[in-house]
C-alpha atoms as a PDB file:
ATOM      1  CA  MET A   1      54.859  48.077-128.694  1.00  0.00           C
ATOM      2  CA  LYS A   2      56.795  51.173-128.095  1.00  0.00           C
ATOM      3  CA  ARG A   3      54.946  51.064-124.480  1.00  0.00           C
ATOM      4  CA  LYS A   4      56.006  47.553-123.885  1.00  0.00           C
ATOM      5  CA  GLN A   5      59.825  47.992-124.359  1.00  0.00           C
ATOM      6  CA  PHE A   6      59.906  51.320-122.390  1.00  0.00           C
ATOM      7  CA  LEU A   7      58.514  49.248-119.742  1.00  0.00           C
ATOM      8  CA  LYS A   8      61.280  47.099-120.149  1.00  0.00           C
ATOM      9  CA  GLN A   9      63.626  49.375-120.600  1.00  0.00           C
ATOM     10  CA  ILE A  10      62.589  50.999-117.215  1.00  0.00           C
ATOM     11  CA  SER A  11      62.264  47.390-115.331  1.00  0.00           C
ATOM     12  CA  ALA A  12      66.199  46.596-116.340  1.00  0.00           C
ATOM     13  CA  ALA A  13      67.247  49.462-115.031  1.00  0.00           C
ATOM     14  CA  MET A  14      65.375  48.982-111.785  1.00  0.00           C
ATOM     15  CA  ALA A  15      66.900  46.155-111.857  1.00  0.00           C
ATOM     16  CA  ALA A  16      70.555  46.859-112.699  1.00  0.00           C
ATOM     17  CA  THR A  17      69.958  49.548-109.677  1.00  0.00           C
ATOM     18  CA  ALA A  18      69.059  47.073-107.154  1.00  0.00           C
ATOM     19  CA  VAL A  19      72.630  45.563-107.803  1.00  0.00           C
ATOM     20  CA  LEU A  20      74.694  48.323-107.635  1.00  0.00           C
ATOM     21  CA  PRO A  21      74.551  48.936-103.809  1.00  0.00           C
ATOM     22  CA  ALA A  22      76.344  45.469-102.681  1.00  0.00           C
ATOM     23  CA  PHE A  23      79.091  46.020-105.466  1.00  0.00           C
ATOM     24  CA  GLY A  24      79.252  50.066-104.517  1.00  0.00           C
ATOM     25  CA  CYS A  25      79.871  49.262-100.576  1.00  0.00           C
ATOM     26  CA  ASP A  26      82.610  46.733-101.350  1.00  0.00           C
ATOM     27  CA  PHE A  27      83.940  49.092-103.716  1.00  0.00           C
ATOM     28  CA  ILE A  28      83.999  52.214-101.207  1.00  0.00           C
ATOM     29  CA  ASN A  29      85.012  50.331 -98.213  1.00  0.00           C
ATOM     30  CA  ASP A  30      87.895  48.603-100.169  1.00  0.00           C
ATOM     31  CA  GLN A  31      87.401  45.522 -99.036  1.00  0.00           C
ATOM     32  CA  LYS A  32      88.843  42.648-101.104  1.00  0.00           C
ATOM     33  CA  PRO A  33      88.919  38.921-100.885  1.00  0.00           C
ATOM     34  CA  LYS A  34      90.269  36.973 -98.675  1.00  0.00           C
ATOM     35  CA  SER A  35      92.978  34.693 -99.991  1.00  0.00           C
ATOM     36  CA  PHE A  36      92.519  31.006 -99.702  1.00  0.00           C
ATOM     37  CA  PHE A  37      95.838  31.011 -97.776  1.00  0.00           C
ATOM     38  CA  LYS A  38      97.549  32.543 -94.380  1.00  0.00           C
ATOM     39  CA  ILE A  39     101.303  32.877 -94.478  1.00  0.00           C
ATOM     40  CA  SER A  40     103.376  30.912 -91.444  1.00  0.00           C
ATOM     41  CA  LEU A  41     107.170  30.956 -90.985  1.00  0.00           C
ATOM     42  CA  ALA A  42     108.727  27.467 -90.414  1.00  0.00           C
ATOM     43  CA  GLU A  43     112.037  27.814 -87.744  1.00  0.00           C
ATOM     44  CA  TRP A  44     113.749  25.765 -90.226  1.00  0.00           C
ATOM     45  CA  SER A  45     114.304  28.940 -92.017  1.00  0.00           C
ATOM     46  CA  LEU A  46     116.367  30.114 -89.480  1.00  0.00           C
ATOM     47  CA  HIS A  47     118.350  27.231 -88.922  1.00  0.00           C
ATOM     48  CA  LYS A  48     121.714  28.202 -89.538  1.00  0.00           C
ATOM     49  CA  LYS A  49     121.460  31.042 -86.649  1.00  0.00           C
ATOM     50  CA  LEU A  50     119.632  28.826 -84.165  1.00  0.00           C
ATOM     51  CA  PHE A  51     122.896  26.558 -84.954  1.00  0.00           C
ATOM     52  CA  ALA A  52     125.210  29.140 -84.745  1.00  0.00           C
ATOM     53  CA  ASN A  53     123.647  30.616 -80.975  1.00  0.00           C
ATOM     54  CA  GLU A  54     122.636  34.203 -82.704  1.00  0.00           C
ATOM     55  CA  MET A  55     119.333  33.462 -81.452  1.00  0.00           C
ATOM     56  CA  THR A  56     117.434  30.886 -79.407  1.00  0.00           C
ATOM     57  CA  ASN A  57     113.661  29.104 -79.772  1.00  0.00           C
ATOM     58  CA  LEU A  58     112.484  31.976 -77.638  1.00  0.00           C
ATOM     59  CA  ASP A  59     113.685  34.853 -80.508  1.00  0.00           C
ATOM     60  CA  PHE A  60     111.795  33.520 -82.973  1.00  0.00           C
ATOM     61  CA  PRO A  61     108.414  34.311 -82.318  1.00  0.00           C
ATOM     62  CA  VAL A  62     109.079  37.701 -81.385  1.00  0.00           C
ATOM     63  CA  MET A  63     111.651  37.789 -84.827  1.00  0.00           C
ATOM     64  CA  ALA A  64     109.004  36.619 -87.012  1.00  0.00           C
ATOM     65  CA  LYS A  65     106.866  39.404 -86.255  1.00  0.00           C
ATOM     66  CA  LYS A  66     108.966  42.174 -85.752  1.00  0.00           C
ATOM     67  CA  ASP A  67     111.383  41.419 -88.827  1.00  0.00           C
ATOM     68  CA  PHE A  68     109.142  39.534 -91.104  1.00  0.00           C
ATOM     69  CA  GLY A  69     105.714  40.387 -90.249  1.00  0.00           C
ATOM     70  CA  ILE A  70     104.255  37.021 -89.993  1.00  0.00           C
ATOM     71  CA  ASP A  71     101.885  36.690 -87.183  1.00  0.00           C
ATOM     72  CA  ALA A  72     102.188  32.586 -87.232  1.00  0.00           C
ATOM     73  CA  VAL A  73     105.033  30.219 -86.179  1.00  0.00           C
ATOM     74  CA  GLU A  74     105.894  26.871 -86.884  1.00  0.00           C
ATOM     75  CA  TYR A  75     108.389  25.554 -84.262  1.00  0.00           C
ATOM     76  CA  VAL A  76     110.888  22.746 -85.099  1.00  0.00           C
ATOM     77  CA  ASN A  77     111.639  20.643 -81.741  1.00  0.00           C
ATOM     78  CA  VAL A  78     115.180  20.185 -82.261  1.00  0.00           C
ATOM     79  CA  PHE A  79     115.762  24.175 -81.049  1.00  0.00           C
ATOM     80  CA  PHE A  80     113.761  23.373 -77.369  1.00  0.00           C
ATOM     81  CA  LYS A  81     114.549  19.353 -77.481  1.00  0.00           C
ATOM     82  CA  ASP A  82     114.906  19.077 -73.832  1.00  0.00           C
ATOM     83  CA  LYS A  83     112.022  21.273 -72.918  1.00  0.00           C
ATOM     84  CA  ALA A  84     108.541  19.693 -74.005  1.00  0.00           C
ATOM     85  CA  LYS A  85     107.607  19.159 -70.441  1.00  0.00           C
ATOM     86  CA  ASP A  86     109.619  22.552 -69.075  1.00  0.00           C
ATOM     87  CA  THR A  87     106.430  24.307 -68.403  1.00  0.00           C
ATOM     88  CA  LYS A  88     108.103  27.877 -67.102  1.00  0.00           C
ATOM     89  CA  TYR A  89     109.901  27.744 -70.296  1.00  0.00           C
ATOM     90  CA  LEU A  90     106.458  26.746 -72.179  1.00  0.00           C
ATOM     91  CA  ASN A  91     105.063  29.956 -70.403  1.00  0.00           C
ATOM     92  CA  GLU A  92     107.893  31.983 -71.093  1.00  0.00           C
ATOM     93  CA  LEU A  93     107.325  30.868 -74.770  1.00  0.00           C
ATOM     94  CA  LEU A  94     103.712  31.623 -74.559  1.00  0.00           C
ATOM     95  CA  LYS A  95     104.157  35.170 -73.267  1.00  0.00           C
ATOM     96  CA  ARG A  96     106.523  36.605 -75.545  1.00  0.00           C
ATOM     97  CA  CYS A  97     103.841  35.060 -78.669  1.00  0.00           C
ATOM     98  CA  LYS A  98     101.004  36.767 -76.416  1.00  0.00           C
ATOM     99  CA  ASP A  99     103.224  39.976 -76.292  1.00  0.00           C
ATOM    100  CA  ASN A 100     103.593  40.111 -79.950  1.00  0.00           C
ATOM    101  CA  ASP A 101     100.104  39.000 -81.007  1.00  0.00           C
ATOM    102  CA  VAL A 102     101.866  35.584 -82.743  1.00  0.00           C
ATOM    103  CA  LYS A 103     100.012  32.320 -83.039  1.00  0.00           C
ATOM    104  CA  ASN A 104     101.691  28.978 -82.121  1.00  0.00           C
ATOM    105  CA  HIS A 105     100.782  26.645 -85.398  1.00  0.00           C
ATOM    106  CA  LEU A 106     102.815  23.638 -84.983  1.00  0.00           C
ATOM    107  CA  ILE A 107     105.984  21.953 -84.257  1.00  0.00           C
ATOM    108  CA  MET A 108     107.647  19.888 -86.428  1.00  0.00           C
ATOM    109  CA  CYS A 109     108.976  16.778 -84.540  1.00  0.00           C
ATOM    110  CA  ASP A 110     112.136  14.797 -85.510  1.00  0.00           C
ATOM    111  CA  GLY A 111     114.877  12.574 -83.749  1.00  0.00           C
ATOM    112  CA  GLU A 112     111.829  10.732 -82.035  1.00  0.00           C
ATOM    113  CA  GLY A 113     112.371   7.256 -83.697  1.00  0.00           C
ATOM    114  CA  GLU A 114     110.902   5.447 -86.810  1.00  0.00           C
ATOM    115  CA  LEU A 115     107.044   5.492 -86.591  1.00  0.00           C
ATOM    116  CA  GLY A 116     107.506   3.098 -89.901  1.00  0.00           C
ATOM    117  CA  ASP A 117     109.436   0.679 -87.825  1.00  0.00           C
ATOM    118  CA  ALA A 118     109.655  -2.749 -88.447  1.00  0.00           C
ATOM    119  CA  ASP A 119     110.149  -4.121 -85.105  1.00  0.00           C
ATOM    120  CA  ALA A 120     106.679  -3.719 -82.992  1.00  0.00           C
ATOM    121  CA  ALA A 121     108.821  -2.629 -80.102  1.00  0.00           C
ATOM    122  CA  LYS A 122     110.810   0.102 -81.117  1.00  0.00           C
ATOM    123  CA  ARG A 123     108.118   1.616 -83.273  1.00  0.00           C
ATOM    124  CA  LEU A 124     105.604   1.695 -80.110  1.00  0.00           C
ATOM    125  CA  LYS A 125     109.020   3.602 -78.952  1.00  0.00           C
ATOM    126  CA  ALA A 126     108.359   5.937 -81.227  1.00  0.00           C
ATOM    127  CA  VAL A 127     104.904   6.679 -81.242  1.00  0.00           C
ATOM    128  CA  GLU A 128     104.937   6.959 -77.179  1.00  0.00           C
ATOM    129  CA  ASN A 129     108.055   9.339 -78.001  1.00  0.00           C
ATOM    130  CA  HIS A 130     105.785  11.924 -79.569  1.00  0.00           C
ATOM    131  CA  TYR A 131     103.614  12.241 -77.210  1.00  0.00           C
ATOM    132  CA  LYS A 132     105.599  14.919 -75.287  1.00  0.00           C
ATOM    133  CA  TRP A 133     104.867  17.207 -78.468  1.00  0.00           C
ATOM    134  CA  VAL A 134     101.183  16.563 -78.306  1.00  0.00           C
ATOM    135  CA  ASP A 135     100.827  17.656 -74.977  1.00  0.00           C
ATOM    136  CA  ALA A 136     103.516  20.464 -75.789  1.00  0.00           C
ATOM    137  CA  ALA A 137     101.620  21.280 -78.874  1.00  0.00           C
ATOM    138  CA  LYS A 138      98.438  21.702 -76.980  1.00  0.00           C
ATOM    139  CA  TYR A 139      99.760  23.744 -74.266  1.00  0.00           C
ATOM    140  CA  LEU A 140     100.762  26.412 -76.779  1.00  0.00           C
ATOM    141  CA  GLY A 141      97.677  26.434 -78.452  1.00  0.00           C
ATOM    142  CA  CYS A 142      99.452  24.968 -81.635  1.00  0.00           C
ATOM    143  CA  ALA A 143      96.761  22.931 -83.974  1.00  0.00           C
ATOM    144  CA  THR A 144      99.544  20.156 -85.553  1.00  0.00           C
ATOM    145  CA  ILE A 145     102.567  18.412 -84.861  1.00  0.00           C
ATOM    146  CA  ARG A 146     104.631  17.577 -88.145  1.00  0.00           C
ATOM    147  CA  VAL A 147     106.098  13.498 -87.868  1.00  0.00           C
ATOM    148  CA  ASN A 148     107.696  11.466 -90.182  1.00  0.00           C
ATOM    149  CA  ALA A 149     106.672   8.094 -91.877  1.00  0.00           C
ATOM    150  CA  ALA A 150     110.276   6.652 -92.178  1.00  0.00           C
ATOM    151  CA  GLY A 151     111.417   2.490 -91.620  1.00  0.00           C
ATOM    152  CA  GLN A 152     113.392   0.354 -93.088  1.00  0.00           C
ATOM    153  CA  GLY A 153     112.561  -2.734 -95.411  1.00  0.00           C
ATOM    154  CA  ALA A 154     110.299  -3.357 -98.407  1.00  0.00           C
ATOM    155  CA  ARG A 155     108.136  -0.612 -99.601  1.00  0.00           C
ATOM    156  CA  GLU A 156     104.710  -2.345 -98.563  1.00  0.00           C
ATOM    157  CA  GLU A 157     105.932  -3.672 -95.320  1.00  0.00           C
ATOM    158  CA  VAL A 158     107.154  -0.053 -94.433  1.00  0.00           C
ATOM    159  CA  ALA A 159     103.840   1.373 -95.484  1.00  0.00           C
ATOM    160  CA  ALA A 160     101.628  -1.369 -93.447  1.00  0.00           C
ATOM    161  CA  ALA A 161     104.008  -0.128 -90.504  1.00  0.00           C
ATOM    162  CA  ALA A 162     103.526   3.360 -90.566  1.00  0.00           C
ATOM    163  CA  ALA A 163     100.126   3.302 -90.931  1.00  0.00           C
ATOM    164  CA  GLU A 164     100.121   1.558 -87.761  1.00  0.00           C
ATOM    165  CA  GLY A 165     102.362   3.950 -85.763  1.00  0.00           C
ATOM    166  CA  LEU A 166     100.219   6.634 -87.064  1.00  0.00           C
ATOM    167  CA  SER A 167      96.887   5.153 -86.180  1.00  0.00           C
ATOM    168  CA  LYS A 168      98.236   4.517 -82.655  1.00  0.00           C
ATOM    169  CA  LEU A 169      99.540   8.024 -82.348  1.00  0.00           C
ATOM    170  CA  GLY A 170      97.177   9.875 -84.595  1.00  0.00           C
ATOM    171  CA  ALA A 171      94.847   8.364 -81.358  1.00  0.00           C
ATOM    172  CA  TYR A 172      96.602   9.948 -78.612  1.00  0.00           C
ATOM    173  CA  ALA A 173      96.547  13.043 -80.747  1.00  0.00           C
ATOM    174  CA  ALA A 174      92.849  12.628 -80.829  1.00  0.00           C
ATOM    175  CA  LYS A 175      92.100  13.166 -77.553  1.00  0.00           C
ATOM    176  CA  GLU A 176      94.081  16.521 -77.240  1.00  0.00           C
ATOM    177  CA  LYS A 177      92.374  17.995 -80.413  1.00  0.00           C
ATOM    178  CA  ILE A 178      95.480  17.819 -82.231  1.00  0.00           C
ATOM    179  CA  ASN A 179      96.624  17.159 -85.804  1.00  0.00           C
ATOM    180  CA  VAL A 180      99.290  14.720 -86.695  1.00  0.00           C
ATOM    181  CA  ILE A 181     100.792  15.127 -90.393  1.00  0.00           C
ATOM    182  CA  VAL A 182     103.520  13.939 -92.114  1.00  0.00           C
ATOM    183  CA  GLU A 183     105.739  15.784 -94.696  1.00  0.00           C
ATOM    184  CA  ASN A 184     107.302  14.009 -97.653  1.00  0.00           C
ATOM    185  CA  HIS A 185     110.974  13.959 -96.190  1.00  0.00           C
ATOM    186  CA  GLY A 186     113.052  11.573 -97.859  1.00  0.00           C
ATOM    187  CA  GLY A 187     112.853   7.694 -98.796  1.00  0.00           C
ATOM    188  CA  TYR A 188     109.467   6.620 -99.232  1.00  0.00           C
ATOM    189  CA  SER A 189     107.538   9.606 -98.019  1.00  0.00           C
ATOM    190  CA  SER A 190     108.807  11.685-100.672  1.00  0.00           C
ATOM    191  CA  ASP A 191     106.838   9.083-103.085  1.00  0.00           C
ATOM    192  CA  GLY A 192     103.530  10.686-103.035  1.00  0.00           C
ATOM    193  CA  SER A 193     101.914   7.678-104.063  1.00  0.00           C
ATOM    194  CA  TRP A 194     103.455   5.793-101.142  1.00  0.00           C
ATOM    195  CA  LEU A 195     102.441   8.338 -98.752  1.00  0.00           C
ATOM    196  CA  SER A 196      98.976   9.094-100.071  1.00  0.00           C
ATOM    197  CA  GLY A 197      98.423   5.597 -99.842  1.00  0.00           C
ATOM    198  CA  VAL A 198      99.268   5.155 -96.165  1.00  0.00           C
ATOM    199  CA  MET A 199      96.583   8.499 -95.808  1.00  0.00           C
ATOM    200  CA  LYS A 200      94.169   6.257 -96.951  1.00  0.00           C
ATOM    201  CA  SER A 201      95.044   3.277 -94.724  1.00  0.00           C
ATOM    202  CA  VAL A 202      94.937   5.094 -91.517  1.00  0.00           C
ATOM    203  CA  ASN A 203      91.973   7.194 -92.517  1.00  0.00           C
ATOM    204  CA  MET A 204      91.601   9.203 -89.140  1.00  0.00           C
ATOM    205  CA  PRO A 205      90.184  13.188 -89.697  1.00  0.00           C
ATOM    206  CA  ASN A 206      93.014  14.262 -87.352  1.00  0.00           C
ATOM    207  CA  VAL A 207      96.197  12.553 -89.612  1.00  0.00           C
ATOM    208  CA  GLY A 208      96.785  14.049 -92.631  1.00  0.00           C
ATOM    209  CA  THR A 209     100.062  15.321 -95.111  1.00  0.00           C
ATOM    210  CA  LEU A 210     102.038  18.399 -95.103  1.00  0.00           C
ATOM    211  CA  PRO A 211     103.170  18.435 -98.620  1.00  0.00           C
ATOM    212  CA  ASP A 212     106.368  20.143 -98.993  1.00  0.00           C
ATOM    213  CA  PHE A 213     107.399  21.526-102.621  1.00  0.00           C
ATOM    214  CA  GLY A 214     111.308  20.707-101.768  1.00  0.00           C
ATOM    215  CA  ASN A 215     111.500  17.789-100.412  1.00  0.00           C
ATOM    216  CA  PHE A 216     110.666  14.587-103.012  1.00  0.00           C
ATOM    217  CA  CYS A 217     114.325  13.380-103.264  1.00  0.00           C
ATOM    218  CA  ILE A 218     113.456   9.343-103.129  1.00  0.00           C
ATOM    219  CA  LYS A 219     116.953   8.543-102.634  1.00  0.00           C
ATOM    220  CA  ARG A 220     120.085  10.574-102.188  1.00  0.00           C
ATOM    221  CA  ASP A 221     123.703   9.832-103.269  1.00  0.00           C
ATOM    222  CA  SER A 222     125.306   7.424-100.753  1.00  0.00           C
ATOM    223  CA  LYS A 223     128.819   9.609-100.921  1.00  0.00           C
ATOM    224  CA  ASP A 224     127.345  13.304-101.079  1.00  0.00           C
ATOM    225  CA  TRP A 225     124.323  13.486 -99.219  1.00  0.00           C
ATOM    226  CA  GLN A 226     123.447  17.140-100.925  1.00  0.00           C
ATOM    227  CA  VAL A 227     122.918  14.812-104.507  1.00  0.00           C
ATOM    228  CA  CYS A 228     119.932  13.538-104.963  1.00  0.00           C
ATOM    229  CA  VAL A 229     120.282  10.483-107.535  1.00  0.00           C
ATOM    230  CA  GLU A 230     116.225   9.781-107.919  1.00  0.00           C
ATOM    231  CA  GLU A 231     113.600  12.079-107.471  1.00  0.00           C
ATOM    232  CA  TYR A 232     109.599  12.235-107.602  1.00  0.00           C
ATOM    233  CA  ASP A 233     107.966  14.613-109.645  1.00  0.00           C
ATOM    234  CA  ARG A 234     107.033  17.738-107.202  1.00  0.00           C
ATOM    235  CA  TYR A 235     103.836  18.810-108.954  1.00  0.00           C
ATOM    236  CA  LYS A 236     102.626  15.165-108.898  1.00  0.00           C
ATOM    237  CA  GLY A 237     103.537  14.276-105.777  1.00  0.00           C
ATOM    238  CA  THR A 238     102.055  17.557-104.404  1.00  0.00           C
ATOM    239  CA  ALA A 239      98.627  16.813-106.125  1.00  0.00           C
ATOM    240  CA  GLU A 240      98.966  13.523-104.759  1.00  0.00           C
ATOM    241  CA  LEU A 241      99.125  14.847-101.118  1.00  0.00           C
ATOM    242  CA  MET A 242      97.096  17.725-101.264  1.00  0.00           C
ATOM    243  CA  PRO A 243      93.491  15.952-100.691  1.00  0.00           C
ATOM    244  CA  PHE A 244      94.609  14.938 -96.782  1.00  0.00           C
ATOM    245  CA  ALA A 245      96.406  18.082 -96.402  1.00  0.00           C
ATOM    246  CA  LYS A 246      96.193  20.144 -93.146  1.00  0.00           C
ATOM    247  CA  GLY A 247      99.536  22.800 -94.041  1.00  0.00           C
ATOM    248  CA  VAL A 248     101.568  23.059 -96.367  1.00  0.00           C
ATOM    249  CA  SER A 249     105.409  24.040 -96.231  1.00  0.00           C
ATOM    250  CA  ALA A 250     106.272  26.654 -99.000  1.00  0.00           C
ATOM    251  CA  LYS A 251     110.194  25.552 -99.295  1.00  0.00           C
ATOM    252  CA  SER A 252     112.179  27.882-101.458  1.00  0.00           C
ATOM    253  CA  TYR A 253     116.204  27.569-102.843  1.00  0.00           C
ATOM    254  CA  ASP A 254     116.644  30.618-104.992  1.00  0.00           C
ATOM    255  CA  PHE A 255     115.119  33.156-106.958  1.00  0.00           C
ATOM    256  CA  ASP A 256     115.366  35.554-110.151  1.00  0.00           C
ATOM    257  CA  GLU A 257     115.722  38.431-111.327  1.00  0.00           C
ATOM    258  CA  LYS A 258     111.649  38.772-111.255  1.00  0.00           C
ATOM    259  CA  GLY A 259     111.522  37.488-107.614  1.00  0.00           C
ATOM    260  CA  ASN A 260     110.772  33.552-108.915  1.00  0.00           C
ATOM    261  CA  CYS A 261     111.749  30.619-107.113  1.00  0.00           C
ATOM    262  CA  VAL A 262     114.002  29.003-109.669  1.00  0.00           C
ATOM    263  CA  GLU A 263     113.695  25.071-108.390  1.00  0.00           C
ATOM    264  CA  THR A 264     109.464  25.578-108.435  1.00  0.00           C
ATOM    265  CA  ASP A 265     107.190  27.257-110.298  1.00  0.00           C
ATOM    266  CA  TYR A 266     104.870  28.699-107.845  1.00  0.00           C
ATOM    267  CA  ASN A 267     102.197  29.702-109.861  1.00  0.00           C
ATOM    268  CA  ARG A 268     101.852  26.424-111.140  1.00  0.00           C
ATOM    269  CA  ILE A 269     102.429  24.237-107.368  1.00  0.00           C
ATOM    270  CA  MET A 270     100.053  27.074-105.338  1.00  0.00           C
ATOM    271  CA  LYS A 271      97.375  26.556-108.244  1.00  0.00           C
ATOM    272  CA  ILE A 272      97.643  22.649-107.563  1.00  0.00           C
ATOM    273  CA  VAL A 273      96.945  23.642-104.072  1.00  0.00           C
ATOM    274  CA  LYS A 274      94.006  25.917-104.414  1.00  0.00           C
ATOM    275  CA  ASP A 275      92.110  23.653-106.633  1.00  0.00           C
ATOM    276  CA  ALA A 276      92.567  20.885-103.669  1.00  0.00           C
ATOM    277  CA  GLY A 277      90.026  23.115-102.004  1.00  0.00           C
ATOM    278  CA  PHE A 278      92.948  23.970 -99.229  1.00  0.00           C
ATOM    279  CA  LYS A 279      92.630  26.436 -96.778  1.00  0.00           C
ATOM    280  CA  GLY A 280      95.030  26.862 -94.439  1.00  0.00           C
ATOM    281  CA  TYR A 281      98.767  28.335 -93.308  1.00  0.00           C
ATOM    282  CA  VAL A 282     101.644  27.946 -95.921  1.00  0.00           C
ATOM    283  CA  GLY A 283     104.424  27.731 -93.789  1.00  0.00           C
ATOM    284  CA  ILE A 284     107.762  30.041 -95.765  1.00  0.00           C
ATOM    285  CA  GLU A 285     110.829  27.077 -95.505  1.00  0.00           C
ATOM    286  CA  TYR A 286     113.551  28.998 -97.018  1.00  0.00           C
ATOM    287  CA  GLU A 287     116.823  26.773 -97.143  1.00  0.00           C
ATOM    288  CA  GLY A 288     118.755  28.667 -99.649  1.00  0.00           C
ATOM    289  CA  GLY A 289     122.509  29.380 -99.584  1.00  0.00           C
ATOM    290  CA  LYS A 290     122.670  31.974-102.039  1.00  0.00           C
ATOM    291  CA  LEU A 291     120.930  34.777-100.209  1.00  0.00           C
ATOM    292  CA  SER A 292     120.964  35.124 -96.384  1.00  0.00           C
ATOM    293  CA  GLU A 293     118.461  34.054 -94.369  1.00  0.00           C
ATOM    294  CA  LYS A 294     116.440  36.885 -93.857  1.00  0.00           C
ATOM    295  CA  GLU A 295     116.567  37.858 -97.781  1.00  0.00           C
ATOM    296  CA  GLY A 296     115.568  34.730 -98.481  1.00  0.00           C
ATOM    297  CA  ILE A 297     112.507  34.544 -96.045  1.00  0.00           C
ATOM    298  CA  LEU A 298     111.685  38.097 -97.445  1.00  0.00           C
ATOM    299  CA  LYS A 299     111.545  36.685-101.146  1.00  0.00           C
ATOM    300  CA  THR A 300     109.744  34.084-100.561  1.00  0.00           C
ATOM    301  CA  LYS A 301     107.134  36.033 -98.458  1.00  0.00           C
ATOM    302  CA  ALA A 302     106.955  38.341-101.624  1.00  0.00           C
ATOM    303  CA  LEU A 303     106.294  35.412-103.999  1.00  0.00           C
ATOM    304  CA  LEU A 304     103.660  34.087-101.675  1.00  0.00           C
ATOM    305  CA  GLU A 305     101.851  37.797-101.273  1.00  0.00           C
ATOM    306  CA  ARG A 306     101.821  38.358-105.053  1.00  0.00           C
ATOM    307  CA  ILE A 307     100.218  34.965-105.487  1.00  0.00           C
ATOM    308  CA  GLN A 308      97.501  35.938-102.930  1.00  0.00           C
ATOM    309  CA  LYS A 309      97.001  38.933-104.816  1.00  0.00           C
ATOM    310  CA  ASP A 310      97.078  37.245-108.011  1.00  0.00           C
ATOM    311  CA  MET A 311      95.017  34.248-107.276  1.00  0.00           C
END
């Protein structure tokens, strides 16, 4: 019996030794498991500088890399509104990205009409207005354009119109292998159940969502737009939108002394993102007023990097 026990101990030791090299190799090479998300920078984080003409859209990718160490960018069409078909301009933008090793990720599109307009002709016009941004995204090497599912009318009517408009735009974008994603951006779209219902109606592989942690205000005060009078639960809404997400917008406004976001529990909400199986870019979108844009971006980045390490 002693001999059998000795042989069992030897076999166990050999088995353990056989496993060790794999762990030892990882340790020696200091290999760390990759995070489930990468960090990108949304141009809106610098909207004050852009509107004040302290920088231009062409400066954005260079600044993202040199000032913030971020190598993936999310443009806002407002800051190069008349340049969607200007190949000379787009080539200059591409050159600056290439020179600084920056990846173009998406273009956020506003001001092109309501994709959920009840009027079929106006809705079609809105769809067609977005074509140039699909083309620009393709030219710049982006994967995605972000649009809005806006419209006026009853909840069900706007949902049906938005689904129809998104389906038409999605069909055009699919030919160029571009994603069309909808942000919760006010009105019905900030209702997670409504927007997830629209996604189910569209049911296209290249049409999805861009959950924004801070954009769940359904109704604002008519006299003061900054005051939200009806807000959807951001954690519930994020969970409802994540099954369709092809990007995530990490909205931030203010931070406590420990570097945590005051209005959103990032550990809780990023766990929702992770549990949904998301693997992609989480874009920093600082919109606060207490810190400078640079400080806000850096604090949001530090928070996300901490979560990358912890999760």
